[in-house]
Amino acid sequence: MSSVLVKDDVFYMNEALKEAKLAMDLDEVPIGAIITCRDRIVARSHNLSIRLNDFTAHAEMQAFTSAANALGGKYLNDCTLYVTLEPCAMCASASYWTQIGRVVYGAKDETRGAFSKGVNLYHPKTRVQGGVLEKECSQLIKDFFKKKRY
């Protein structure tokens, strides 16, 4: 995992947080994602698993499809994925196939996150950065599940 923070990481993570809040408004788990390419947002998404009745409709998966369509190709090697929660094994594996250049996430997912599996599921050329706006990203998810428990 990389420790290099790009100047605009906070700006773009705030954009992903906006998507996460849209998910929460839909009573979806509040995870948001955006994909940038050469300092331009090419995809925005949030969890849609409940609304679409599709367990694969994670924010990242929606963003990969949207970005590939916007850019006209399946490889995203010049792109960066910003996501509010560490990608799960499914999403990290999907990112492998996109050959995305960089993944930046907010909160760590100790139980379902890709790194909790003990193997690197990302493409060898993908740089991964965690902890960007970690507190804000984590708090949004905690607040969502706290409401669910009461």
Protein backbone atom coordinates (compact mmCIF):
# COMPACT_ATOMS: atom_id res chain seq x y z
CA MET A 1 0.00 0.00 0.00
CA SER A 2 1.31 3.42 -0.97
CA SER A 3 1.61 6.38 1.39
CA VAL A 4 1.79 9.05 -1.33
CA LEU A 5 -1.08 11.50 -0.96
CA VAL A 6 -1.95 13.41 -4.12
CA LYS A 7 -2.96 17.05 -3.65
CA ASP A 8 -6.54 16.51 -4.84
CA ASP A 9 -7.23 13.28 -2.92
CA VAL A 10 -9.22 15.12 -0.25
CA PHE A 11 -11.27 16.98 -2.86
CA TYR A 12 -12.15 13.80 -4.74
CA MET A 13 -12.86 11.83 -1.56
CA ASN A 14 -15.33 14.54 -0.60
CA GLU A 15 -17.02 13.91 -3.95
CA ALA A 16 -17.18 10.19 -3.11
CA LEU A 17 -18.70 11.11 0.27
CA LYS A 18 -21.45 13.01 -1.55
CA GLU A 19 -22.24 9.78 -3.41
CA ALA A 20 -22.24 7.84 -0.13
CA LYS A 21 -24.80 10.28 1.27
CA LEU A 22 -26.99 9.68 -1.79
CA ALA A 23 -26.82 5.96 -1.02
CA MET A 24 -27.84 6.62 2.58
CA ASP A 25 -30.83 8.65 1.34
CA LEU A 26 -31.90 5.52 -0.56
CA ASP A 27 -31.43 3.38 2.59
CA GLU A 28 -28.43 1.69 0.95
CA VAL A 29 -25.19 1.10 2.83
CA PRO A 30 -23.54 4.53 2.43
CA ILE A 31 -20.56 3.83 0.24
CA GLY A 32 -19.73 6.15 -2.62
CA ALA A 33 -17.19 6.04 -5.42
CA ILE A 34 -15.91 8.22 -8.17
CA ILE A 35 -13.35 7.59 -10.89
CA THR A 36 -11.10 10.29 -12.23
CA CYS A 37 -9.04 10.32 -15.39
CA ARG A 38 -6.47 13.05 -15.91
CA ASP A 39 -8.02 15.26 -13.21
CA ARG A 40 -11.55 14.88 -14.56
CA ILE A 41 -14.40 12.94 -12.94
CA VAL A 42 -15.56 10.33 -15.45
CA ALA A 43 -17.82 8.25 -13.19
CA ARG A 44 -19.88 8.70 -10.02
CA SER A 45 -21.71 5.97 -8.19
CA HIS A 46 -22.92 4.63 -4.88
CA ASN A 47 -24.19 1.34 -3.56
CA LEU A 48 -27.33 0.13 -5.33
CA SER A 49 -27.48 -3.47 -4.10
CA ILE A 50 -30.89 -3.10 -2.43
CA ARG A 51 -32.50 -0.94 -5.09
CA LEU A 52 -31.32 -3.22 -7.93
CA ASN A 53 -31.73 -6.43 -5.90
CA ASP A 54 -28.18 -7.25 -6.99
CA PHE A 55 -25.50 -8.16 -4.48
CA THR A 56 -22.80 -7.16 -6.99
CA ALA A 57 -24.10 -3.57 -7.34
CA HIS A 58 -21.41 -2.13 -5.09
CA ALA A 59 -20.34 1.48 -5.65
CA GLU A 60 -17.03 0.41 -7.18
CA MET A 61 -18.62 -2.03 -9.62
CA GLN A 62 -21.06 0.62 -10.80
CA ALA A 63 -18.20 3.10 -11.19
CA PHE A 64 -16.04 0.69 -13.21
CA THR A 65 -18.84 0.11 -15.70
CA SER A 66 -19.69 3.79 -15.94
CA ALA A 67 -16.05 4.83 -16.44
CA ALA A 68 -15.44 2.17 -19.08
CA ASN A 69 -18.51 3.37 -20.95
CA ALA A 70 -17.49 7.04 -20.63
CA LEU A 71 -13.95 6.37 -21.83
CA GLY A 72 -14.85 3.84 -24.51
CA GLY A 73 -12.67 1.00 -23.23
CA LYS A 74 -12.40 -1.52 -20.45
CA TYR A 75 -8.93 -0.56 -19.23
CA LEU A 76 -8.70 2.22 -16.66
CA ASN A 77 -4.93 2.36 -16.22
CA ASP A 78 -4.87 6.18 -16.40
CA CYS A 79 -7.62 6.45 -13.79
CA THR A 80 -8.02 6.67 -10.03
CA LEU A 81 -10.87 5.12 -8.05
CA TYR A 82 -11.89 7.05 -4.92
CA VAL A 83 -14.13 5.04 -2.62
CA THR A 84 -15.28 5.77 0.92
CA LEU A 85 -14.66 2.22 2.21
CA GLU A 86 -11.82 -0.15 1.44
CA PRO A 87 -12.93 -2.32 -1.50
CA CYS A 88 -14.06 -5.86 -0.73
CA ALA A 89 -12.44 -8.87 -2.38
CA MET A 90 -14.97 -8.82 -5.24
CA CYS A 91 -14.37 -5.14 -6.03
CA ALA A 92 -10.58 -5.38 -5.65
CA SER A 93 -10.59 -8.38 -8.02
CA ALA A 94 -12.72 -6.47 -10.52
CA SER A 95 -10.28 -3.57 -10.28
CA TYR A 96 -7.54 -6.02 -11.26
CA TRP A 97 -9.26 -6.62 -14.59
CA THR A 98 -9.68 -2.89 -15.23
CA GLN A 99 -5.95 -2.40 -14.59
CA ILE A 100 -6.86 0.82 -12.76
CA GLY A 101 -3.82 2.94 -12.02
CA ARG A 102 -4.69 3.90 -8.47
CA VAL A 103 -7.21 3.11 -5.73
CA VAL A 104 -7.78 5.59 -2.90
CA TYR A 105 -10.11 4.65 -0.05
CA GLY A 106 -11.32 6.33 3.11
CA ALA A 107 -12.18 3.92 5.91
CA LYS A 108 -10.53 0.53 6.35
CA ASP A 109 -12.80 -2.53 6.38
CA GLU A 110 -11.18 -4.89 8.87
CA THR A 111 -13.50 -7.83 8.17
CA ARG A 112 -14.47 -7.65 4.49
CA GLY A 113 -11.79 -5.41 2.99
CA ALA A 114 -9.50 -6.82 0.33
CA PHE A 115 -6.40 -6.51 2.50
CA SER A 116 -8.04 -8.56 5.27
CA LYS A 117 -7.84 -11.60 2.97
CA GLY A 118 -4.05 -11.81 3.24
CA VAL A 119 -3.35 -11.64 -0.50
CA ASN A 120 -2.97 -8.77 -2.93
CA LEU A 121 -6.04 -8.83 -5.17
CA TYR A 122 -5.11 -5.66 -7.04
CA HIS A 123 -3.26 -5.48 -10.36
CA PRO A 124 0.53 -5.38 -9.82
CA LYS A 125 0.68 -1.86 -11.31
CA THR A 126 -2.17 -0.49 -9.17
CA ARG A 127 -1.09 1.82 -6.36
CA VAL A 128 -3.35 1.75 -3.28
CA GLN A 129 -3.72 4.54 -0.73
CA GLY A 130 -5.94 4.28 2.34
CA GLY A 131 -7.06 6.59 5.10
CA VAL A 132 -8.12 9.66 3.11
CA LEU A 133 -10.86 11.38 5.16
CA GLU A 134 -10.99 8.16 7.16
CA LYS A 135 -12.89 9.62 10.11
CA GLU A 136 -15.63 11.14 7.95
CA CYS A 137 -16.03 8.00 5.86
CA SER A 138 -16.08 5.73 8.90
CA GLN A 139 -18.54 7.92 10.80
CA LEU A 140 -21.06 7.89 7.95
CA ILE A 141 -21.16 4.08 7.96
CA LYS A 142 -21.29 3.89 11.77
CA ASP A 143 -24.21 6.34 11.85
CA PHE A 144 -26.08 4.33 9.20
CA PHE A 145 -25.79 1.04 11.09
CA LYS A 146 -26.53 2.68 14.42
CA LYS A 147 -29.91 3.80 13.01
CA LYS A 148 -30.52 0.28 11.70
CA ARG A 149 -30.02 -1.27 15.13
CA TYR A 150 -32.66 0.93 16.82
